[in-house]
Full PDB file with SEQRES, HELIX, SHEET, SSBOND, CRYST1, ORIGX, SCALE, CONECT and MASTER records, all heavy atoms in Angstrom:
SEQRES   1 A   31  GLY VAL MET MET THR ALA ASN ALA ALA LEU ASP ALA GLY          
SEQRES   2 A   31  ARG ASP VAL VAL VAL HIS GLN SER ALA THR ASN ASP ALA          
SEQRES   3 A   31  GLY THR ALA SER LEU                                          
HELIX    1 AA1 VAL A    2  ASP A   11  1                                  10    
HELIX    2 AA2 GLN A   20  ALA A   22  5                                   3    
HELIX    3 AA3 ALA A   26  SER A   30  1                                   5    
CRYST1    1.000    1.000    1.000  90.00  90.00  90.00 P 1           1          
ORIGX1      1.000000  0.000000  0.000000        0.00000                         
ORIGX2      0.000000  1.000000  0.000000        0.00000                         
ORIGX3      0.000000  0.000000  1.000000        0.00000                         
SCALE1      1.000000  0.000000  0.000000        0.00000                         
SCALE2      0.000000  1.000000  0.000000        0.00000                         
SCALE3      0.000000  0.000000  1.000000        0.00000                         
ATOM      1  N   GLY A   1      -2.748 -62.760  28.806  1.00  0.00           N  
ATOM      2  CA  GLY A   1      -2.025 -61.679  29.451  1.00  0.00           C  
ATOM      3  C   GLY A   1      -2.952 -60.674  30.104  1.00  0.00           C  
ATOM      4  O   GLY A   1      -2.585 -60.031  31.095  1.00  0.00           O  
ATOM      5  N   VAL A   2      -4.154 -60.531  29.547  1.00  0.00           N  
ATOM      6  CA  VAL A   2      -5.132 -59.615  30.141  1.00  0.00           C  
ATOM      7  C   VAL A   2      -5.473 -60.060  31.555  1.00  0.00           C  
ATOM      8  O   VAL A   2      -5.515 -59.250  32.498  1.00  0.00           O  
ATOM      9  CB  VAL A   2      -6.404 -59.555  29.279  1.00  0.00           C  
ATOM     10  CG1 VAL A   2      -7.467 -58.693  29.952  1.00  0.00           C  
ATOM     11  CG2 VAL A   2      -6.089 -59.014  27.892  1.00  0.00           C  
ATOM     12  N   MET A   3      -5.697 -61.355  31.726  1.00  0.00           N  
ATOM     13  CA  MET A   3      -6.034 -61.873  33.048  1.00  0.00           C  
ATOM     14  C   MET A   3      -4.848 -61.779  33.999  1.00  0.00           C  
ATOM     15  O   MET A   3      -5.016 -61.522  35.199  1.00  0.00           O  
ATOM     16  CB  MET A   3      -6.514 -63.318  32.922  1.00  0.00           C  
ATOM     17  CG  MET A   3      -7.793 -63.467  32.118  1.00  0.00           C  
ATOM     18  SD  MET A   3      -9.171 -62.528  32.828  1.00  0.00           S  
ATOM     19  CE  MET A   3      -9.439 -63.438  34.345  1.00  0.00           C  
ATOM     20  N   MET A   4      -3.632 -61.978  33.482  1.00  0.00           N  
ATOM     21  CA  MET A   4      -2.434 -61.793  34.313  1.00  0.00           C  
ATOM     22  C   MET A   4      -2.359 -60.362  34.823  1.00  0.00           C  
ATOM     23  O   MET A   4      -2.086 -60.118  36.006  1.00  0.00           O  
ATOM     24  CB  MET A   4      -1.169 -62.112  33.502  1.00  0.00           C  
ATOM     25  CG  MET A   4      -0.919 -63.557  33.220  1.00  0.00           C  
ATOM     26  SD  MET A   4       0.681 -63.750  32.390  1.00  0.00           S  
ATOM     27  CE  MET A   4       0.583 -65.468  31.913  1.00  0.00           C  
ATOM     28  N   THR A   5      -2.603 -59.420  33.914  1.00  0.00           N  
ATOM     29  CA  THR A   5      -2.547 -58.007  34.292  1.00  0.00           C  
ATOM     30  C   THR A   5      -3.628 -57.675  35.307  1.00  0.00           C  
ATOM     31  O   THR A   5      -3.387 -56.975  36.296  1.00  0.00           O  
ATOM     32  CB  THR A   5      -2.692 -57.121  33.046  1.00  0.00           C  
ATOM     33  OG1 THR A   5      -1.702 -57.482  32.075  1.00  0.00           O  
ATOM     34  CG2 THR A   5      -2.529 -55.653  33.394  1.00  0.00           C  
ATOM     35  N   ALA A   6      -4.836 -58.174  35.071  1.00  0.00           N  
ATOM     36  CA  ALA A   6      -5.942 -57.896  35.987  1.00  0.00           C  
ATOM     37  C   ALA A   6      -5.667 -58.473  37.371  1.00  0.00           C  
ATOM     38  O   ALA A   6      -5.905 -57.811  38.391  1.00  0.00           O  
ATOM     39  CB  ALA A   6      -7.232 -58.470  35.418  1.00  0.00           C  
ATOM     40  N   ASN A   7      -5.168 -59.693  37.439  1.00  0.00           N  
ATOM     41  CA  ASN A   7      -4.878 -60.309  38.729  1.00  0.00           C  
ATOM     42  C   ASN A   7      -3.752 -59.587  39.457  1.00  0.00           C  
ATOM     43  O   ASN A   7      -3.798 -59.420  40.683  1.00  0.00           O  
ATOM     44  CB  ASN A   7      -4.534 -61.792  38.539  1.00  0.00           C  
ATOM     45  CG  ASN A   7      -5.740 -62.626  38.145  1.00  0.00           C  
ATOM     46  OD1 ASN A   7      -6.859 -62.349  38.553  1.00  0.00           O  
ATOM     47  ND2 ASN A   7      -5.523 -63.648  37.332  1.00  0.00           N  
ATOM     48  N   ALA A   8      -2.729 -59.151  38.700  1.00  0.00           N  
ATOM     49  CA  ALA A   8      -1.641 -58.389  39.318  1.00  0.00           C  
ATOM     50  C   ALA A   8      -2.159 -57.058  39.847  1.00  0.00           C  
ATOM     51  O   ALA A   8      -1.728 -56.586  40.907  1.00  0.00           O  
ATOM     52  CB  ALA A   8      -0.522 -58.163  38.298  1.00  0.00           C  
ATOM     53  N   ALA A   9      -3.088 -56.450  39.114  1.00  0.00           N  
ATOM     54  CA  ALA A   9      -3.673 -55.188  39.563  1.00  0.00           C  
ATOM     55  C   ALA A   9      -4.457 -55.381  40.857  1.00  0.00           C  
ATOM     56  O   ALA A   9      -4.369 -54.575  41.786  1.00  0.00           O  
ATOM     57  CB  ALA A   9      -4.571 -54.611  38.471  1.00  0.00           C  
ATOM     58  N   LEU A  10      -5.226 -56.458  40.940  1.00  0.00           N  
ATOM     59  CA  LEU A  10      -5.992 -56.737  42.152  1.00  0.00           C  
ATOM     60  C   LEU A  10      -5.061 -56.984  43.341  1.00  0.00           C  
ATOM     61  O   LEU A  10      -5.318 -56.526  44.455  1.00  0.00           O  
ATOM     62  CB  LEU A  10      -6.905 -57.933  41.921  1.00  0.00           C  
ATOM     63  CG  LEU A  10      -8.064 -57.720  40.937  1.00  0.00           C  
ATOM     64  CD1 LEU A  10      -8.774 -59.036  40.651  1.00  0.00           C  
ATOM     65  CD2 LEU A  10      -9.047 -56.686  41.465  1.00  0.00           C  
ATOM     66  N   ASP A  11      -3.971 -57.713  43.101  1.00  0.00           N  
ATOM     67  CA  ASP A  11      -3.006 -57.972  44.166  1.00  0.00           C  
ATOM     68  C   ASP A  11      -2.377 -56.681  44.684  1.00  0.00           C  
ATOM     69  O   ASP A  11      -2.019 -56.589  45.855  1.00  0.00           O  
ATOM     70  CB  ASP A  11      -1.900 -58.910  43.666  1.00  0.00           C  
ATOM     71  CG  ASP A  11      -2.395 -60.327  43.448  1.00  0.00           C  
ATOM     72  OD1 ASP A  11      -3.464 -60.680  43.994  1.00  0.00           O  
ATOM     73  OD2 ASP A  11      -1.721 -61.088  42.719  1.00  0.00           O  
ATOM     74  N   ALA A  12      -2.236 -55.697  43.787  1.00  0.00           N  
ATOM     75  CA  ALA A  12      -1.611 -54.431  44.160  1.00  0.00           C  
ATOM     76  C   ALA A  12      -2.612 -53.403  44.669  1.00  0.00           C  
ATOM     77  O   ALA A  12      -2.235 -52.269  44.961  1.00  0.00           O  
ATOM     78  CB  ALA A  12      -0.853 -53.858  42.957  1.00  0.00           C  
ATOM     79  N   GLY A  13      -3.877 -53.791  44.758  1.00  0.00           N  
ATOM     80  CA  GLY A  13      -4.891 -52.868  45.258  1.00  0.00           C  
ATOM     81  C   GLY A  13      -5.415 -51.899  44.236  1.00  0.00           C  
ATOM     82  O   GLY A  13      -6.003 -50.869  44.589  1.00  0.00           O  
ATOM     83  N   ARG A  14      -5.245 -52.194  42.951  1.00  0.00           N  
ATOM     84  CA  ARG A  14      -5.772 -51.338  41.895  1.00  0.00           C  
ATOM     85  C   ARG A  14      -7.213 -51.748  41.570  1.00  0.00           C  
ATOM     86  O   ARG A  14      -7.639 -52.869  41.845  1.00  0.00           O  
ATOM     87  CB  ARG A  14      -4.915 -51.430  40.623  1.00  0.00           C  
ATOM     88  CG  ARG A  14      -3.429 -51.173  40.821  1.00  0.00           C  
ATOM     89  CD  ARG A  14      -3.157 -49.741  41.228  1.00  0.00           C  
ATOM     90  NE  ARG A  14      -1.751 -49.416  41.089  1.00  0.00           N  
ATOM     91  CZ  ARG A  14      -0.882 -49.402  42.086  1.00  0.00           C  
ATOM     92  NH1 ARG A  14      -1.287 -49.713  43.314  1.00  0.00           N  
ATOM     93  NH2 ARG A  14       0.393 -49.086  41.884  1.00  0.00           N  
ATOM     94  N   ASP A  15      -7.945 -50.837  40.936  1.00  0.00           N  
ATOM     95  CA  ASP A  15      -9.300 -51.150  40.494  1.00  0.00           C  
ATOM     96  C   ASP A  15      -9.245 -51.882  39.152  1.00  0.00           C  
ATOM     97  O   ASP A  15      -8.444 -51.527  38.279  1.00  0.00           O  
ATOM     98  CB  ASP A  15     -10.119 -49.866  40.329  1.00  0.00           C  
ATOM     99  CG  ASP A  15     -10.384 -49.183  41.654  1.00  0.00           C  
ATOM    100  OD1 ASP A  15     -10.480 -49.890  42.674  1.00  0.00           O  
ATOM    101  OD2 ASP A  15     -10.491 -47.940  41.675  1.00  0.00           O  
ATOM    102  N   VAL A  16     -10.098 -52.859  38.987  1.00  0.00           N  
ATOM    103  CA  VAL A  16     -10.220 -53.578  37.717  1.00  0.00           C  
ATOM    104  C   VAL A  16     -11.648 -53.430  37.225  1.00  0.00           C  
ATOM    105  O   VAL A  16     -12.609 -53.743  37.944  1.00  0.00           O  
ATOM    106  CB  VAL A  16      -9.855 -55.067  37.864  1.00  0.00           C  
ATOM    107  CG1 VAL A  16     -10.130 -55.813  36.559  1.00  0.00           C  
ATOM    108  CG2 VAL A  16      -8.386 -55.221  38.247  1.00  0.00           C  
ATOM    109  N   VAL A  17     -11.792 -52.937  36.001  1.00  0.00           N  
ATOM    110  CA  VAL A  17     -13.099 -52.679  35.400  1.00  0.00           C  
ATOM    111  C   VAL A  17     -13.167 -53.425  34.070  1.00  0.00           C  
ATOM    112  O   VAL A  17     -12.173 -53.491  33.338  1.00  0.00           O  
ATOM    113  CB  VAL A  17     -13.299 -51.159  35.166  1.00  0.00           C  
ATOM    114  CG1 VAL A  17     -14.630 -50.889  34.494  1.00  0.00           C  
ATOM    115  CG2 VAL A  17     -13.200 -50.404  36.489  1.00  0.00           C  
ATOM    116  N   VAL A  18     -14.318 -53.976  33.763  1.00  0.00           N  
ATOM    117  CA  VAL A  18     -14.527 -54.673  32.500  1.00  0.00           C  
ATOM    118  C   VAL A  18     -15.329 -53.776  31.573  1.00  0.00           C  
ATOM    119  O   VAL A  18     -16.353 -53.215  31.980  1.00  0.00           O  
ATOM    120  CB  VAL A  18     -15.265 -56.007  32.715  1.00  0.00           C  
ATOM    121  CG1 VAL A  18     -15.630 -56.650  31.374  1.00  0.00           C  
ATOM    122  CG2 VAL A  18     -14.406 -56.950  33.544  1.00  0.00           C  
ATOM    123  N   HIS A  19     -14.851 -53.626  30.343  1.00  0.00           N  
ATOM    124  CA  HIS A  19     -15.606 -52.821  29.380  1.00  0.00           C  
ATOM    125  C   HIS A  19     -16.866 -53.564  28.959  1.00  0.00           C  
ATOM    126  O   HIS A  19     -16.900 -54.795  28.883  1.00  0.00           O  
ATOM    127  CB  HIS A  19     -14.756 -52.499  28.150  1.00  0.00           C  
ATOM    128  CG  HIS A  19     -15.372 -51.461  27.278  1.00  0.00           C  
ATOM    129  ND1 HIS A  19     -16.157 -51.781  26.198  1.00  0.00           N  
ATOM    130  CD2 HIS A  19     -15.338 -50.098  27.345  1.00  0.00           C  
ATOM    131  CE1 HIS A  19     -16.581 -50.664  25.623  1.00  0.00           C  
ATOM    132  NE2 HIS A  19     -16.094 -49.630  26.300  1.00  0.00           N  
ATOM    133  N   GLN A  20     -17.884 -52.802  28.673  1.00  0.00           N  
ATOM    134  CA  GLN A  20     -19.193 -53.369  28.340  1.00  0.00           C  
ATOM    135  C   GLN A  20     -19.143 -54.304  27.140  1.00  0.00           C  
ATOM    136  O   GLN A  20     -19.927 -55.251  27.037  1.00  0.00           O  
ATOM    137  CB  GLN A  20     -20.186 -52.235  28.087  1.00  0.00           C  
ATOM    138  CG  GLN A  20     -21.628 -52.671  27.969  1.00  0.00           C  
ATOM    139  CD  GLN A  20     -22.563 -51.496  27.751  1.00  0.00           C  
ATOM    140  OE1 GLN A  20     -22.360 -50.691  26.842  1.00  0.00           O  
ATOM    141  NE2 GLN A  20     -23.568 -51.372  28.604  1.00  0.00           N  
ATOM    142  N   SER A  21     -18.207 -54.073  26.229  1.00  0.00           N  
ATOM    143  CA  SER A  21     -18.117 -54.899  25.027  1.00  0.00           C  
ATOM    144  C   SER A  21     -17.599 -56.304  25.315  1.00  0.00           C  
ATOM    145  O   SER A  21     -17.636 -57.166  24.433  1.00  0.00           O  
ATOM    146  CB  SER A  21     -17.177 -54.223  24.011  1.00  0.00           C  
ATOM    147  OG  SER A  21     -15.859 -54.143  24.534  1.00  0.00           O  
ATOM    148  N   ALA A  22     -17.099 -56.537  26.528  1.00  0.00           N  
ATOM    149  CA  ALA A  22     -16.448 -57.818  26.833  1.00  0.00           C  
ATOM    150  C   ALA A  22     -17.177 -58.628  27.895  1.00  0.00           C  
ATOM    151  O   ALA A  22     -16.596 -59.551  28.475  1.00  0.00           O  
ATOM    152  CB  ALA A  22     -15.004 -57.559  27.275  1.00  0.00           C  
ATOM    153  N   THR A  23     -18.426 -58.321  28.141  1.00  0.00           N  
ATOM    154  CA  THR A  23     -19.132 -59.001  29.238  1.00  0.00           C  
ATOM    155  C   THR A  23     -19.374 -60.486  28.969  1.00  0.00           C  
ATOM    156  O   THR A  23     -19.563 -61.254  29.910  1.00  0.00           O  
ATOM    157  CB  THR A  23     -20.484 -58.314  29.505  1.00  0.00           C  
ATOM    158  OG1 THR A  23     -21.232 -58.264  28.279  1.00  0.00           O  
ATOM    159  CG2 THR A  23     -20.275 -56.893  30.025  1.00  0.00           C  
ATOM    160  N   ASN A  24     -19.350 -60.894  27.701  1.00  0.00           N  
ATOM    161  CA  ASN A  24     -19.641 -62.291  27.382  1.00  0.00           C  
ATOM    162  C   ASN A  24     -18.401 -63.127  27.092  1.00  0.00           C  
ATOM    163  O   ASN A  24     -18.519 -64.305  26.735  1.00  0.00           O  
ATOM    164  CB  ASN A  24     -20.586 -62.367  26.171  1.00  0.00           C  
ATOM    165  CG  ASN A  24     -21.965 -61.799  26.481  1.00  0.00           C  
ATOM    166  OD1 ASN A  24     -22.471 -61.968  27.594  1.00  0.00           O  
ATOM    167  ND2 ASN A  24     -22.561 -61.128  25.512  1.00  0.00           N  
ATOM    168  N   ASP A  25     -17.220 -62.551  27.227  1.00  0.00           N  
ATOM    169  CA  ASP A  25     -15.984 -63.302  27.000  1.00  0.00           C  
ATOM    170  C   ASP A  25     -15.583 -64.025  28.281  1.00  0.00           C  
ATOM    171  O   ASP A  25     -15.787 -63.521  29.394  1.00  0.00           O  
ATOM    172  CB  ASP A  25     -14.876 -62.364  26.537  1.00  0.00           C  
ATOM    173  CG  ASP A  25     -15.183 -61.743  25.183  1.00  0.00           C  
ATOM    174  OD1 ASP A  25     -15.191 -62.490  24.197  1.00  0.00           O  
ATOM    175  OD2 ASP A  25     -15.443 -60.526  25.133  1.00  0.00           O  
ATOM    176  N   ALA A  26     -14.960 -65.181  28.127  1.00  0.00           N  
ATOM    177  CA  ALA A  26     -14.719 -66.055  29.275  1.00  0.00           C  
ATOM    178  C   ALA A  26     -13.899 -65.383  30.375  1.00  0.00           C  
ATOM    179  O   ALA A  26     -14.262 -65.416  31.557  1.00  0.00           O  
ATOM    180  CB  ALA A  26     -14.021 -67.332  28.804  1.00  0.00           C  
ATOM    181  N   GLY A  27     -12.792 -64.775  29.990  1.00  0.00           N  
ATOM    182  CA  GLY A  27     -11.914 -64.179  30.989  1.00  0.00           C  
ATOM    183  C   GLY A  27     -12.557 -63.013  31.710  1.00  0.00           C  
ATOM    184  O   GLY A  27     -12.584 -62.961  32.945  1.00  0.00           O  
ATOM    185  N   THR A  28     -13.061 -62.067  30.953  1.00  0.00           N  
ATOM    186  CA  THR A  28     -13.653 -60.880  31.558  1.00  0.00           C  
ATOM    187  C   THR A  28     -14.957 -61.206  32.285  1.00  0.00           C  
ATOM    188  O   THR A  28     -15.290 -60.571  33.286  1.00  0.00           O  
ATOM    189  CB  THR A  28     -13.895 -59.807  30.483  1.00  0.00           C  
ATOM    190  OG1 THR A  28     -14.415 -60.428  29.290  1.00  0.00           O  
ATOM    191  CG2 THR A  28     -12.596 -59.102  30.129  1.00  0.00           C  
ATOM    192  N   ALA A  29     -15.692 -62.214  31.807  1.00  0.00           N  
ATOM    193  CA  ALA A  29     -16.907 -62.632  32.519  1.00  0.00           C  
ATOM    194  C   ALA A  29     -16.561 -63.158  33.907  1.00  0.00           C  
ATOM    195  O   ALA A  29     -17.304 -62.944  34.867  1.00  0.00           O  
ATOM    196  CB  ALA A  29     -17.646 -63.695  31.720  1.00  0.00           C  
ATOM    197  N   SER A  30     -15.417 -63.839  34.031  1.00  0.00           N  
ATOM    198  CA  SER A  30     -15.001 -64.330  35.344  1.00  0.00           C  
ATOM    199  C   SER A  30     -14.637 -63.170  36.269  1.00  0.00           C  
ATOM    200  O   SER A  30     -14.857 -63.251  37.483  1.00  0.00           O  
ATOM    201  CB  SER A  30     -13.821 -65.292  35.207  1.00  0.00           C  
ATOM    202  OG  SER A  30     -12.638 -64.611  34.815  1.00  0.00           O  
ATOM    203  N   LEU A  31     -14.091 -62.089  35.705  1.00  0.00           N  
ATOM    204  CA  LEU A  31     -13.789 -60.909  36.519  1.00  0.00           C  
ATOM    205  C   LEU A  31     -15.077 -60.272  37.043  1.00  0.00           C  
ATOM    206  O   LEU A  31     -15.156 -59.849  38.199  1.00  0.00           O  
ATOM    207  CB  LEU A  31     -12.997 -59.888  35.696  1.00  0.00           C  
ATOM    208  CG  LEU A  31     -11.572 -60.276  35.301  1.00  0.00           C  
ATOM    209  CD1 LEU A  31     -10.975 -59.218  34.376  1.00  0.00           C  
ATOM    210  CD2 LEU A  31     -10.692 -60.461  36.535  1.00  0.00           C  
TER     211      LEU A  31                                                      
MASTER        0    0    0    3    0    0    0    6  210    1    0    3          
END                                                                             
């Protein structure tokens, strides 16, 4: 659901930021 939310945000022109604690997780690393 996190990736769904992030992709919907990008489609709507919102900013998407990854927290430093999640840089090595698969989904957030792809962002």
